[in-house]
């Protein structure tokens, strides 16, 4: 695959997507969005890949939407709800198979079967921040700065971040971040639960690969997929439904080859060799 605005790499059962507009602090464009979606869906379908990392080249993760696009919106030449090129027919088919909540140009990450790990290496604001909210795990470098900033640009909030942020950090903190538009540093992001870990800049990718490698090489692909699916799905359900579907999943998993292999590997004191079935 040839890409203009991202770098896409696969190695050691890990796929890495790197936003690659460092001279623009990886400001988001429709091309970047389309290329990211193509790479993520490719990684999700690849049976040799167990986890996905998303990061930015240079000193920023993503400094929000490209200012050229914002200028077009402010002049009325473009829509604020655009933000990405249309999915390909193959991608449209995949999106139609997802629950309606995931058929969005950013929320589709929740429908992926592989966990997505954000390696936030610097400025992560506006649209960059919004996309991070849909990742499963967020690891920040000590240089990370994160925030919505929209109210400081004459806007409010976008693409479901009002829903996601309140579930990640709580309603009170979500409202405060939304109405002030202020940035939080890495330590505050960790303290409020916005990120899962903070590490030195020099160890960011190494740490992300350690987490991704653990998932890819030690965990059942079927189990990981089921666990991710159920946690996100049950944000939309009641407890009784969650209990029933968890138990149905557990029954299904006990019949799987991955479960049998996991038990054998434990008894034989060796690493498991999962097949994802």
Protein backbone atom coordinates (compact mmCIF):
# COMPACT_ATOMS: atom_id res chain seq x y z
CA UNK A 1 0.00 0.00 0.00
CA UNK A 2 1.23 3.49 -0.88
CA UNK A 3 0.21 6.39 1.36
CA UNK A 4 0.86 10.12 1.12
CA UNK A 5 0.13 11.31 4.67
CA UNK A 6 0.67 8.29 6.92
CA UNK A 7 3.30 5.61 7.38
CA UNK A 8 1.95 2.08 7.73
CA UNK A 9 4.16 -0.67 9.10
CA UNK A 10 3.64 -4.26 10.18
CA UNK A 11 6.17 -6.16 12.25
CA UNK A 12 6.16 -8.70 15.10
CA UNK A 13 2.36 -9.07 14.94
CA UNK A 14 1.92 -5.32 15.49
CA UNK A 15 0.60 -2.79 12.96
CA UNK A 16 1.69 0.83 13.39
CA UNK A 17 0.00 3.82 11.78
CA UNK A 18 2.02 7.04 11.97
CA UNK A 19 0.51 10.38 10.98
CA UNK A 20 3.17 11.79 8.68
CA UNK A 21 2.78 15.54 8.21
CA UNK A 22 5.39 16.62 10.78
CA UNK A 23 5.90 20.01 9.14
CA UNK A 24 2.20 20.71 9.85
CA UNK A 25 2.24 19.06 13.30
CA UNK A 26 0.25 16.24 11.67
CA UNK A 27 -2.80 18.44 11.19
CA UNK A 28 -5.72 16.27 10.08
CA UNK A 29 -6.85 16.29 6.45
CA UNK A 30 -9.46 14.24 4.56
CA UNK A 31 -6.59 12.34 2.94
CA UNK A 32 -5.05 11.49 6.30
CA UNK A 33 -8.42 10.34 7.58
CA UNK A 34 -9.06 8.12 4.56
CA UNK A 35 -5.57 6.62 4.65
CA UNK A 36 -5.82 5.95 8.38
CA UNK A 37 -9.16 4.19 7.91
CA UNK A 38 -7.72 2.06 5.08
CA UNK A 39 -4.71 1.05 7.15
CA UNK A 40 -6.71 0.28 10.29
CA UNK A 41 -9.24 -1.87 8.44
CA UNK A 42 -6.39 -3.70 6.69
CA UNK A 43 -4.71 -4.39 10.04
CA UNK A 44 -7.98 -5.52 11.57
CA UNK A 45 -8.51 -8.09 8.81
CA UNK A 46 -4.92 -9.38 8.88
CA UNK A 47 -4.75 -12.59 10.95
CA UNK A 48 -1.02 -12.04 11.55
CA UNK A 49 -1.72 -8.79 13.43
CA UNK A 50 -2.73 -8.84 17.08
CA UNK A 51 -2.71 -5.16 18.03
CA UNK A 52 -2.51 -1.71 16.42
CA UNK A 53 -0.54 1.39 17.43
CA UNK A 54 -1.37 4.92 16.24
CA UNK A 55 1.15 7.73 16.71
CA UNK A 56 2.50 10.90 15.08
CA UNK A 57 5.75 11.76 13.34
CA UNK A 58 7.87 14.58 14.74
CA UNK A 59 6.94 16.61 17.81
CA UNK A 60 3.14 16.36 17.61
CA UNK A 61 0.55 13.62 17.63
CA UNK A 62 -2.10 15.65 15.77
CA UNK A 63 -2.65 19.39 16.11
CA UNK A 64 -6.29 19.20 15.02
CA UNK A 65 -7.87 19.88 11.65
CA UNK A 66 -5.71 21.49 8.99
CA UNK A 67 -6.20 25.26 9.07
CA UNK A 68 -6.86 25.32 5.34
CA UNK A 69 -9.91 23.17 5.91
CA UNK A 70 -11.05 25.34 8.81
CA UNK A 71 -10.75 28.43 6.64
CA UNK A 72 -13.01 26.83 4.04
CA UNK A 73 -15.56 26.00 6.72
CA UNK A 74 -15.51 29.54 8.16
CA UNK A 75 -16.06 30.98 4.66
CA UNK A 76 -18.95 28.61 3.97
CA UNK A 77 -17.13 26.64 1.26
CA UNK A 78 -17.10 23.39 3.27
CA UNK A 79 -19.10 21.60 5.94
CA UNK A 80 -17.88 21.25 9.53
CA UNK A 81 -19.25 17.71 9.62
CA UNK A 82 -17.18 16.53 6.65
CA UNK A 83 -13.64 15.79 7.80
CA UNK A 84 -12.94 12.73 5.69
CA UNK A 85 -13.33 11.33 2.20
CA UNK A 86 -16.04 8.80 1.46
CA UNK A 87 -15.36 5.15 2.35
CA UNK A 88 -14.60 2.75 -0.47
CA UNK A 89 -17.33 0.22 -1.40
CA UNK A 90 -15.45 -2.44 0.59
CA UNK A 91 -15.29 -0.15 3.62
CA UNK A 92 -18.95 0.78 3.22
CA UNK A 93 -19.86 -2.91 3.39
CA UNK A 94 -17.84 -3.28 6.60
CA UNK A 95 -19.48 -0.19 8.12
CA UNK A 96 -22.98 -1.44 7.27
CA UNK A 97 -22.23 -4.59 9.27
CA UNK A 98 -21.46 -2.54 12.40
CA UNK A 99 -23.96 -1.21 14.92
CA UNK A 100 -25.23 2.27 13.91
CA UNK A 101 -23.21 3.93 16.69
CA UNK A 102 -19.98 2.82 14.98
CA UNK A 103 -20.85 3.93 11.42
CA UNK A 104 -19.00 7.20 11.80
CA UNK A 105 -15.71 8.36 10.35
CA UNK A 106 -14.11 8.25 13.82
CA UNK A 107 -16.30 5.95 15.95
CA UNK A 108 -15.58 3.03 13.61
CA UNK A 109 -12.50 2.31 15.77
CA UNK A 110 -14.85 0.86 18.39
CA UNK A 111 -15.99 -1.74 15.84
CA UNK A 112 -12.50 -3.04 15.10
CA UNK A 113 -11.75 -6.46 16.54
CA UNK A 114 -8.12 -5.57 17.33
CA UNK A 115 -7.23 -3.22 20.21
CA UNK A 116 -6.01 0.23 19.13
CA UNK A 117 -3.27 1.80 21.25
CA UNK A 118 -2.61 5.52 20.98
CA UNK A 119 1.02 6.53 21.49
CA UNK A 120 0.55 10.25 22.11
CA UNK A 121 3.90 11.88 21.48
CA UNK A 122 3.08 15.59 21.76
CA UNK A 123 0.29 18.03 20.97
CA UNK A 124 -3.04 16.22 20.68
CA UNK A 125 -5.79 18.78 20.27
CA UNK A 126 -9.08 19.40 18.53
CA UNK A 127 -9.82 16.67 16.03
CA UNK A 128 -6.65 14.83 17.06
CA UNK A 129 -8.00 14.69 20.60
CA UNK A 130 -11.40 13.53 19.38
CA UNK A 131 -9.92 10.59 17.49
CA UNK A 132 -7.92 9.55 20.58
CA UNK A 133 -11.11 9.16 22.59
CA UNK A 134 -12.10 6.21 20.37
CA UNK A 135 -8.87 4.31 21.05
CA UNK A 136 -8.84 1.42 23.51
CA UNK A 137 -5.59 2.29 25.29
CA UNK A 138 -3.80 5.65 25.42
CA UNK A 139 -0.14 5.95 26.39
CA UNK A 140 1.29 9.47 26.59
CA UNK A 141 4.82 10.77 26.53
CA UNK A 142 5.80 13.35 29.11
CA UNK A 143 5.59 15.89 26.26
CA UNK A 144 1.91 15.28 25.55
CA UNK A 145 -0.59 18.13 25.74
CA UNK A 146 -4.24 17.30 25.17
CA UNK A 147 -7.51 19.19 24.88
CA UNK A 148 -10.64 20.10 22.95
CA UNK A 149 -9.88 23.85 22.34
CA UNK A 150 -13.05 24.27 20.23
CA UNK A 151 -14.61 27.01 22.35
CA UNK A 152 -11.43 29.04 21.79
CA UNK A 153 -12.08 28.85 18.02
CA UNK A 154 -15.75 29.82 18.11
CA UNK A 155 -16.93 26.19 18.07
CA UNK A 156 -18.26 23.78 20.71
CA UNK A 157 -17.61 20.03 20.50
CA UNK A 158 -17.59 17.42 17.73
CA UNK A 159 -18.09 13.87 16.49
CA UNK A 160 -19.36 12.31 19.71
CA UNK A 161 -16.54 13.53 21.95
CA UNK A 162 -19.26 14.87 24.28
CA UNK A 163 -20.40 11.27 24.78
CA UNK A 164 -16.98 9.59 24.87
CA UNK A 165 -15.14 12.08 27.09
CA UNK A 166 -17.76 11.99 29.85
CA UNK A 167 -17.48 8.20 29.98
CA UNK A 168 -13.70 8.32 30.19
CA UNK A 169 -13.15 11.10 32.74
CA UNK A 170 -16.64 11.65 34.19
CA UNK A 171 -19.29 14.24 33.44
CA UNK A 172 -17.94 17.03 35.66
CA UNK A 173 -14.43 16.90 34.21
CA UNK A 174 -15.77 16.53 30.66
CA UNK A 175 -17.89 19.66 30.99
CA UNK A 176 -14.99 21.63 32.48
CA UNK A 177 -12.63 20.61 29.67
CA UNK A 178 -15.27 21.34 27.04
CA UNK A 179 -16.27 24.81 28.24
CA UNK A 180 -12.74 26.05 28.98
CA UNK A 181 -11.01 24.50 25.97
CA UNK A 182 -7.85 24.29 28.07
CA UNK A 183 -5.06 21.81 27.49
CA UNK A 184 -4.03 19.24 30.09
CA UNK A 185 -0.46 18.03 30.41
CA UNK A 186 0.51 14.37 30.60
CA UNK A 187 0.49 14.18 34.40
CA UNK A 188 -3.02 15.64 34.68
CA UNK A 189 -4.22 13.40 31.84
CA UNK A 190 -3.01 10.39 33.84
CA UNK A 191 -4.53 11.66 37.08
CA UNK A 192 -8.01 12.10 35.58
CA UNK A 193 -7.93 8.80 33.69
CA UNK A 194 -7.64 10.31 30.21
CA UNK A 195 -4.51 8.24 29.52
CA UNK A 196 -3.45 4.92 30.98
CA UNK A 197 0.28 5.55 31.33
CA UNK A 198 2.87 8.33 31.00
CA UNK A 199 6.43 7.52 29.97
CA UNK A 200 9.53 9.46 28.88
CA UNK A 201 9.41 10.57 25.25
CA UNK A 202 12.32 8.31 24.35
CA UNK A 203 10.44 5.25 25.61
CA UNK A 204 7.00 5.98 24.17
CA UNK A 205 7.03 3.73 21.11
CA UNK A 206 8.97 1.05 22.98
CA UNK A 207 6.33 1.04 25.73
CA UNK A 208 3.46 1.01 23.24
CA UNK A 209 5.07 -1.94 21.46
CA UNK A 210 5.51 -3.75 24.78
CA UNK A 211 1.79 -3.41 25.50
CA UNK A 212 0.83 -4.31 21.93
CA UNK A 213 3.27 -7.22 21.90
CA UNK A 214 1.88 -8.63 25.12
CA UNK A 215 -1.63 -8.62 23.65
CA UNK A 216 -0.52 -9.95 20.27
CA UNK A 217 1.70 -12.74 21.57
CA UNK A 218 0.17 -13.82 24.89
CA UNK A 219 -3.57 -13.34 24.53
CA UNK A 220 -6.19 -15.23 22.59
CA UNK A 221 -7.21 -13.22 19.49
CA UNK A 222 -10.75 -14.51 19.89
CA UNK A 223 -10.78 -13.57 23.57
CA UNK A 224 -9.38 -10.09 22.90
CA UNK A 225 -11.94 -9.45 20.17
CA UNK A 226 -14.83 -10.63 22.37
CA UNK A 227 -13.63 -8.63 25.39
CA UNK A 228 -13.30 -5.40 23.41
CA UNK A 229 -16.66 -5.92 21.70
CA UNK A 230 -18.53 -6.56 24.93
CA UNK A 231 -17.01 -3.68 26.92
CA UNK A 232 -17.89 -1.09 24.27
CA UNK A 233 -21.27 -2.63 23.40
CA UNK A 234 -22.38 -2.65 27.01
CA UNK A 235 -22.07 1.11 27.28
CA UNK A 236 -25.38 1.04 25.39
CA UNK A 237 -27.17 -1.62 27.47
CA UNK A 238 -28.52 -2.39 30.93
CA UNK A 239 -26.86 -4.68 33.49
CA UNK A 240 -29.17 -7.63 32.84
CA UNK A 241 -28.33 -7.56 29.13
CA UNK A 242 -24.62 -7.28 29.88
CA UNK A 243 -24.74 -10.27 32.23
CA UNK A 244 -26.61 -12.38 29.68
CA UNK A 245 -24.31 -11.49 26.79
CA UNK A 246 -21.15 -11.93 28.89
CA UNK A 247 -22.33 -15.39 29.89
CA UNK A 248 -23.27 -16.29 26.32
CA UNK A 249 -19.81 -15.21 25.22
CA UNK A 250 -18.18 -17.27 27.97
CA UNK A 251 -20.12 -20.36 26.89
CA UNK A 252 -19.04 -19.80 23.29
CA UNK A 253 -15.42 -19.29 24.36
CA UNK A 254 -15.31 -22.58 26.31
CA UNK A 255 -16.05 -24.37 23.03
CA UNK A 256 -13.26 -22.58 21.14
CA UNK A 257 -9.90 -23.95 20.10
CA UNK A 258 -8.26 -20.98 21.81
CA UNK A 259 -9.71 -22.03 25.16
CA UNK A 260 -8.54 -25.63 24.70
CA UNK A 261 -5.08 -24.41 23.74
CA UNK A 262 -4.96 -22.03 26.69
CA UNK A 263 -5.71 -24.86 29.14
CA UNK A 264 -3.19 -27.19 27.49
CA UNK A 265 -0.48 -24.54 27.52
CA UNK A 266 -1.07 -23.82 31.20
CA UNK A 267 -0.90 -27.50 32.15
CA UNK A 268 2.17 -28.08 30.00
CA UNK A 269 3.84 -24.88 31.29
CA UNK A 270 4.52 -23.45 27.83
CA UNK A 271 3.47 -20.39 25.85
CA UNK A 272 0.08 -20.78 24.19
CA UNK A 273 -0.15 -20.88 20.41
CA UNK A 274 -3.52 -19.31 19.71
CA UNK A 275 -5.24 -19.47 16.32
CA UNK A 276 -8.10 -17.07 16.96
CA UNK A 277 -10.84 -19.67 16.63
